[in-house]
Amino acid sequence: MRVDVWSDVVCPFCYIGKKRLEKAAAESGVELEIFWHSFQLDPDAPISQETSNSERLAQKYNRSIAEVEEMQRNIAEMAKQEGIEFNWEKANSGNTFNAHRIIHLAQSQGLGNEAEEAFFYSYMTQGLAIGERETIEDVAARIGLNPVQVDDVLDSDEFADFVKYDEEVARDQLKVTGVPFFVFDQRVALAGAQPVQVFQDVIAKAIANSEAKADDATQDDAAVCNDESCEVPKS
């Protein structure tokens, strides 16, 4: 089954959603063909941040440092349940445009999943500076991309149009306001890092209902990152 996913590599719910999607597919016995699409949560971010991640988020979401740290702890606990070690204290955010370009390069060689996983891990768990070239080159080498090709991409505008096109489709056609956002079999859409059972239900719906439309999206209580927040929804 084809699944198109819009995400950003600094979005913890995107990493959680990836793990839950994979678990749902494995438990349902469905083989997925995942296409990753770009969605920058902060396209104007600098290459690297001069402030801590907590200070940056507090300013972005107009929250106190204490509120942001509690939000991050809650996300880390949610991530832990999916086998993710989210070391939010050392998260080193930055502009993700080049990371997205390298993901497109990787995807052109059948390594999109590997690239997405490696970027998530480098940011969430290792605390590497996600916008800096050294980190991007390290991730690319880790998944086996040719370093000459990687340098050629980073030294040019290659795949920039892919990133921009993904974001235009998300905002203008799908009306995406937060990520992760999934479209199953180009017919059924789902927003947020939903529970595994919800993913299983949507996979079954996509298989059974060939007339479903891509705007039939489940968004209630979705765990998403957007311009206003990135926190675990209250039950």
Protein backbone atom coordinates (compact mmCIF):
# COMPACT_ATOMS: atom_id res chain seq x y z
CA MET A 1 0.00 0.00 0.00
CA ARG A 2 1.22 3.48 -0.86
CA VAL A 3 1.40 5.96 2.02
CA ASP A 4 2.38 9.60 1.47
CA VAL A 5 3.67 11.30 4.62
CA TRP A 6 4.27 15.01 5.21
CA SER A 7 6.65 15.63 8.09
CA ASP A 8 9.54 17.65 9.45
CA VAL A 9 12.65 16.07 10.94
CA VAL A 10 12.44 18.24 14.09
CA CYS A 11 8.85 17.15 14.79
CA PRO A 12 8.75 14.55 17.60
CA PHE A 13 5.19 13.52 16.73
CA CYS A 14 6.36 12.75 13.19
CA TYR A 15 8.88 10.26 14.61
CA ILE A 16 6.24 8.79 16.92
CA GLY A 17 3.78 8.61 14.03
CA LYS A 18 6.34 6.79 11.87
CA LYS A 19 6.85 4.13 14.54
CA ARG A 20 3.11 3.68 15.06
CA LEU A 21 2.44 3.44 11.34
CA GLU A 22 5.13 0.79 10.96
CA LYS A 23 3.76 -1.17 13.92
CA ALA A 24 0.21 -0.99 12.58
CA ALA A 25 1.30 -2.21 9.16
CA ALA A 26 3.31 -5.09 10.64
CA GLU A 27 0.42 -6.18 12.84
CA SER A 28 -1.99 -5.93 9.91
CA GLY A 29 0.30 -7.86 7.58
CA VAL A 30 0.35 -5.00 5.07
CA GLU A 31 3.49 -4.01 3.19
CA LEU A 32 3.87 -0.24 2.86
CA GLU A 33 5.51 1.84 0.16
CA ILE A 34 6.16 5.13 1.92
CA PHE A 35 6.80 8.40 0.11
CA TRP A 36 8.14 11.15 2.35
CA HIS A 37 7.18 14.76 1.70
CA SER A 38 8.62 17.97 3.09
CA PHE A 39 6.86 20.28 5.53
CA GLN A 40 9.06 22.83 7.31
CA LEU A 41 7.65 23.91 10.65
CA ASP A 42 9.95 26.93 10.69
CA PRO A 43 11.18 27.73 7.16
CA ASP A 44 12.76 30.98 8.36
CA ALA A 45 14.89 29.30 11.04
CA PRO A 46 18.64 29.97 10.96
CA ILE A 47 21.12 27.19 10.22
CA SER A 48 21.79 26.91 13.95
CA GLN A 49 20.16 28.37 17.03
CA GLU A 50 21.94 30.61 19.53
CA THR A 51 19.46 29.85 22.32
CA SER A 52 18.44 26.58 23.93
CA ASN A 53 15.60 24.62 22.40
CA SER A 54 13.40 25.33 25.43
CA GLU A 55 14.01 29.07 25.11
CA ARG A 56 13.31 28.93 21.37
CA LEU A 57 10.02 27.07 21.85
CA ALA A 58 8.94 29.30 24.71
CA GLN A 59 9.39 32.32 22.48
CA LYS A 60 7.72 30.66 19.47
CA TYR A 61 4.66 29.43 21.36
CA ASN A 62 4.49 32.34 23.82
CA ARG A 63 4.91 30.00 26.80
CA SER A 64 7.07 30.03 29.90
CA ILE A 65 10.24 27.94 30.05
CA ALA A 66 8.60 25.77 32.71
CA GLU A 67 5.56 25.14 30.49
CA VAL A 68 7.74 24.21 27.54
CA GLU A 69 9.88 21.86 29.62
CA GLU A 70 6.77 20.10 30.93
CA MET A 71 5.51 19.83 27.35
CA GLN A 72 8.81 18.28 26.28
CA ARG A 73 8.81 15.80 29.16
CA ASN A 74 5.32 14.67 28.21
CA ILE A 75 6.38 14.16 24.60
CA ALA A 76 9.48 12.24 25.73
CA GLU A 77 7.30 9.89 27.77
CA MET A 78 5.00 9.37 24.78
CA ALA A 79 8.04 8.71 22.57
CA LYS A 80 9.49 6.23 25.05
CA GLN A 81 6.41 4.05 24.65
CA GLU A 82 7.33 3.70 20.96
CA GLY A 83 10.97 2.86 21.66
CA ILE A 84 12.25 6.37 20.98
CA GLU A 85 14.74 8.07 23.30
CA PHE A 86 13.84 11.75 22.96
CA ASN A 87 16.64 13.69 24.64
CA TRP A 88 14.87 17.02 24.47
CA GLU A 89 17.33 18.74 26.83
CA LYS A 90 20.05 18.64 24.16
CA ALA A 91 17.86 19.06 21.07
CA ASN A 92 19.71 21.34 18.65
CA SER A 93 17.22 22.75 16.17
CA GLY A 94 17.89 24.70 13.01
CA ASN A 95 16.73 25.16 9.43
CA THR A 96 15.69 21.81 7.96
CA PHE A 97 15.60 22.77 4.27
CA ASN A 98 18.85 20.98 3.39
CA ALA A 99 17.87 17.92 5.39
CA HIS A 100 14.70 17.71 3.32
CA ARG A 101 16.69 18.02 0.10
CA ILE A 102 18.90 15.11 1.15
CA ILE A 103 15.81 13.06 2.02
CA HIS A 104 14.60 13.61 -1.54
CA LEU A 105 18.00 12.52 -2.84
CA ALA A 106 17.81 9.41 -0.67
CA GLN A 107 14.25 8.70 -1.78
CA SER A 108 15.34 8.82 -5.42
CA GLN A 109 17.62 5.89 -4.56
CA GLY A 110 15.11 3.91 -2.54
CA LEU A 111 16.47 5.10 0.80
CA GLY A 112 13.77 7.52 1.87
CA ASN A 113 12.75 5.58 4.98
CA GLU A 114 16.35 5.15 6.04
CA ALA A 115 17.05 8.87 5.61
CA GLU A 116 13.95 9.92 7.54
CA GLU A 117 14.76 7.55 10.40
CA ALA A 118 18.41 8.67 10.51
CA PHE A 119 17.50 12.37 10.62
CA PHE A 120 14.89 11.79 13.34
CA TYR A 121 17.42 9.82 15.39
CA SER A 122 20.22 12.35 14.92
CA TYR A 123 18.00 15.20 16.14
CA MET A 124 15.80 13.55 18.80
CA THR A 125 18.23 11.10 20.34
CA GLN A 126 21.76 12.25 19.51
CA GLY A 127 21.09 15.97 19.82
CA LEU A 128 23.06 16.83 16.67
CA ALA A 129 22.69 20.28 15.10
CA ILE A 130 20.14 19.36 12.45
CA GLY A 131 20.70 22.39 10.22
CA GLU A 132 24.49 22.20 10.02
CA ARG A 133 26.21 20.67 7.03
CA GLU A 134 28.39 18.38 9.13
CA THR A 135 25.30 16.71 10.61
CA ILE A 136 23.61 16.37 7.23
CA GLU A 137 26.72 14.82 5.69
CA ASP A 138 27.05 12.45 8.66
CA VAL A 139 23.45 11.26 8.28
CA ALA A 140 23.88 10.84 4.52
CA ALA A 141 27.04 8.76 4.99
CA ARG A 142 25.33 6.65 7.66
CA ILE A 143 22.68 5.44 5.22
CA GLY A 144 25.13 4.87 2.39
CA LEU A 145 24.62 7.87 0.14
CA ASN A 146 27.50 8.77 -2.15
CA PRO A 147 29.37 11.69 -0.52
CA VAL A 148 30.11 13.25 -3.91
CA GLN A 149 26.40 13.29 -4.75
CA VAL A 150 25.60 14.74 -1.33
CA ASP A 151 28.14 17.52 -1.81
CA ASP A 152 26.76 18.24 -5.27
CA VAL A 153 23.25 18.63 -3.84
CA LEU A 154 24.36 20.80 -0.91
CA ASP A 155 26.47 22.99 -3.20
CA SER A 156 23.53 23.58 -5.56
CA ASP A 157 19.78 24.12 -5.59
CA GLU A 158 19.07 20.50 -6.52
CA PHE A 159 15.83 19.14 -5.02
CA ALA A 160 14.87 22.61 -3.74
CA ASP A 161 11.86 22.58 -6.07
CA PHE A 162 10.82 19.21 -4.62
CA VAL A 163 10.73 20.65 -1.10
CA LYS A 164 8.78 23.72 -2.18
CA TYR A 165 6.33 21.66 -4.22
CA ASP A 166 5.64 19.33 -1.28
CA GLU A 167 4.84 22.30 0.92
CA GLU A 168 2.59 23.90 -1.69
CA VAL A 169 0.60 20.67 -2.09
CA ALA A 170 0.27 20.33 1.68
CA ARG A 171 -0.97 23.85 2.28
CA ASP A 172 -2.91 24.63 -0.91
CA GLN A 173 -4.43 21.27 -1.84
CA LEU A 174 -4.55 19.17 1.32
CA LYS A 175 -4.99 22.14 3.71
CA VAL A 176 -2.42 20.68 6.09
CA THR A 177 -1.87 22.86 9.17
CA GLY A 178 0.30 20.48 11.20
CA VAL A 179 2.39 17.36 10.87
CA PRO A 180 2.58 14.42 10.64
CA PHE A 181 -0.02 14.07 7.91
CA PHE A 182 -0.66 10.78 6.12
CA VAL A 183 -2.50 9.92 2.90
CA PHE A 184 -3.18 6.21 2.38
CA ASP A 185 -3.45 4.85 -1.14
CA GLN A 186 -4.02 8.43 -2.35
CA ARG A 187 -7.57 8.21 -0.97
CA VAL A 188 -7.77 8.35 2.82
CA ALA A 189 -6.03 11.00 4.92
CA LEU A 190 -5.07 10.97 8.58
CA ALA A 191 -3.62 13.79 10.64
CA GLY A 192 -1.38 13.34 13.66
CA ALA A 193 0.46 10.61 15.54
CA GLN A 194 -2.69 8.64 16.17
CA PRO A 195 -2.82 5.39 18.20
CA VAL A 196 -1.79 2.18 16.41
CA GLN A 197 -5.40 1.00 16.31
CA VAL A 198 -6.45 4.12 14.41
CA PHE A 199 -3.71 3.51 11.85
CA GLN A 200 -4.92 -0.08 11.49
CA ASP A 201 -8.50 1.09 11.00
CA VAL A 202 -7.48 3.59 8.33
CA ILE A 203 -5.34 0.99 6.52
CA ALA A 204 -8.36 -1.33 6.49
CA LYS A 205 -10.59 1.50 5.26
CA ALA A 206 -8.19 2.32 2.42
CA ILE A 207 -8.12 -1.32 1.36
CA ALA A 208 -11.89 -1.74 1.56
CA ASN A 209 -13.15 1.56 0.23
CA SER A 210 -11.84 2.42 -3.22
CA GLU A 211 -14.15 5.46 -3.38
CA ALA A 212 -12.79 7.22 -0.31
CA LYS A 213 -11.39 10.67 -0.95
CA ALA A 214 -8.08 12.07 0.20
CA ASP A 215 -9.84 14.80 2.19
CA ASP A 216 -11.62 12.27 4.45
CA ALA A 217 -9.20 13.13 7.26
CA THR A 218 -9.29 12.09 10.90
CA GLN A 219 -7.96 15.02 12.94
CA ASP A 220 -9.71 14.94 16.32
CA ASP A 221 -7.28 15.06 19.25
CA ALA A 222 -4.38 14.65 16.83
CA ALA A 223 -0.85 14.87 18.19
CA VAL A 224 0.67 17.30 15.70
CA CYS A 225 3.30 20.01 15.57
CA ASN A 226 2.23 23.27 13.96
CA ASP A 227 2.80 27.01 14.20
CA GLU A 228 0.99 27.29 17.53
CA SER A 229 1.99 24.22 19.56
CA CYS A 230 3.70 20.86 19.71
CA GLU A 231 2.37 19.04 22.76
CA VAL A 232 0.56 15.91 23.83
CA PRO A 233 -3.23 16.49 23.51
CA LYS A 234 -5.17 16.43 26.74
CA SER A 235 -7.38 13.38 27.12
